């Protein structure tokens, strides 16, 4: 056999470089352990699904869900839009990046636009975020003695937070954002520790871009991760590649930077933020299901192991994010609700998980069941009714759907355009948000209505009618849809007195139309000009109000 010449040998392609440990780890499937070690997560997700799904149709939409419909291109509001139109509309009328509107509009294109469909999307991402947090916990606790305890505890603590369960059935971006945060941190931690292949490193750029495009605080997380990467991440070849992926994420966000800067200027001019310390205290209480001392104690236990990289990383994220939020709120005044800092929820769950692992190393390991059981029980209980979420600062309560749907059905079937319809379903502060909700549901119906609590306001934006008398005019009939706590009987405020006098002097009270625990609908007919008539049943087309 002829041997290759020296020239032929030199023309051969070079041998491929040996695989590194990082490439091998990224391409080789890792053992997942025994089946029972992860199978328990499935019934947990099913329980969380039930807790979220049971509220998909219990409430009418609220103000921010109205914005979701308006900005994502519901046919009511000129849609559907193509991608360029959607982003242009978001840049014009929204204070938020276009990520959620894009996802929601795409989802509506597949399943059809409806409240239930939009809320189901949030529920789906809520469950995905719990599963993703479990994966993140396993990755961070990879070198710990009990990684599954840490990851499982974090998933349970976030999944059964009553506040988070509320946003399972809220047609907003929060569960999507939390999922993207968990995904980003998982990909980033694998990348800087040499356990990510090329596709995962590209995933870092895409996930970070997703964080930037879905929530304003994503910009803070991007900056915090960037500082960590420059100052603390291990320097190796993978450091440079990961840094390039972060730069790529910034370039992907570049088209929205100008809009973002304009929104920052608007936030500076609009003073709507609350006391930041009070907001943080409210977040600590609400995110922990009313057990802030347990959450603080578990997180404090991790300080004894602050030299561990994963623990130090989590504390770095929490402390720097809180500082960044407080500093930003000083000049931008954007912090008006605890949902805006929901990024802290998965981080708090992870720290508490590491704290429980510290207890599990002692003879009192059985104690870890106590805070977990209390947390799960309280979170499940608080999620059954709206009282817990409504106790948070600046929360806008939703209108209970069954009674509201019956009222809308009755009005759209029986009220004439000349009739006057008065609503008071919430405190005056929430009357204007409810007006958008009523307009949404009565789209296509000629209904002359007003928010009763605003008829004595002097601001045209809130009260375009000027006065009660100007709104009523010569209406042959007046309908009043009031929550029982705002019933006219016994009220002494001037506006209620004026309406009581008007009704007593010129109108006759017909038998009550709707009597429910949370809403009363009454009909008054002008004396001598109209008579009480039988309320007609709804025709088939009012199936619009069968679901919110």
Foldseek 3Di string as FASTA:
>chain_A
DDDDDPVVVVPDDDDDDDDDPLVCLQPDDDDPDDPVLPVVVVVVLVVLLVLQLVCLFFFFAFLVVLVLCQLLAPVLNPDDDDPVVSQVSCLVPHLAFSLLSVVQNVQCVVVNDDLSSLLQVLLVLLSLLLVLQLLLQCLLCVVPPCSSLLSVQLSLLQSLQLVSSNSSNHNAQLSVLSSLLSLLSSLVSSLLVSNHDPVSLLVNLVSLLSNVRRAVCSVVVLVLVVVCLVPPGDDDPSSVSSVVSSVSSVVSCVVCVVSNVVSQVVLLVDAQADDLVVQVVLLLCRSQLNPNVLLVQLLVQCVVVCVRPSNVVLVSSVVSSSVVVVVSCVRRNPHQFNSNVCNVNSSSSSSSSVSLVVCCVDPNNVCSVVSSVVSNVSSSVCSVDCPSVVPTGPDQDGHGQPVVLVVVLLCLQPPDLLEEEEEDQDPPVRQVRVVSSVCVLCPPGNYLYAHLVQQCPPDCVRHVQNHPCSSNPPRQKYKYKYFVVPDLPPDDDPSSVVVVVVLVPFWDWDPWDDDDNGITITMIGGPPPDDDDDRDHGDPVSCSSVGD
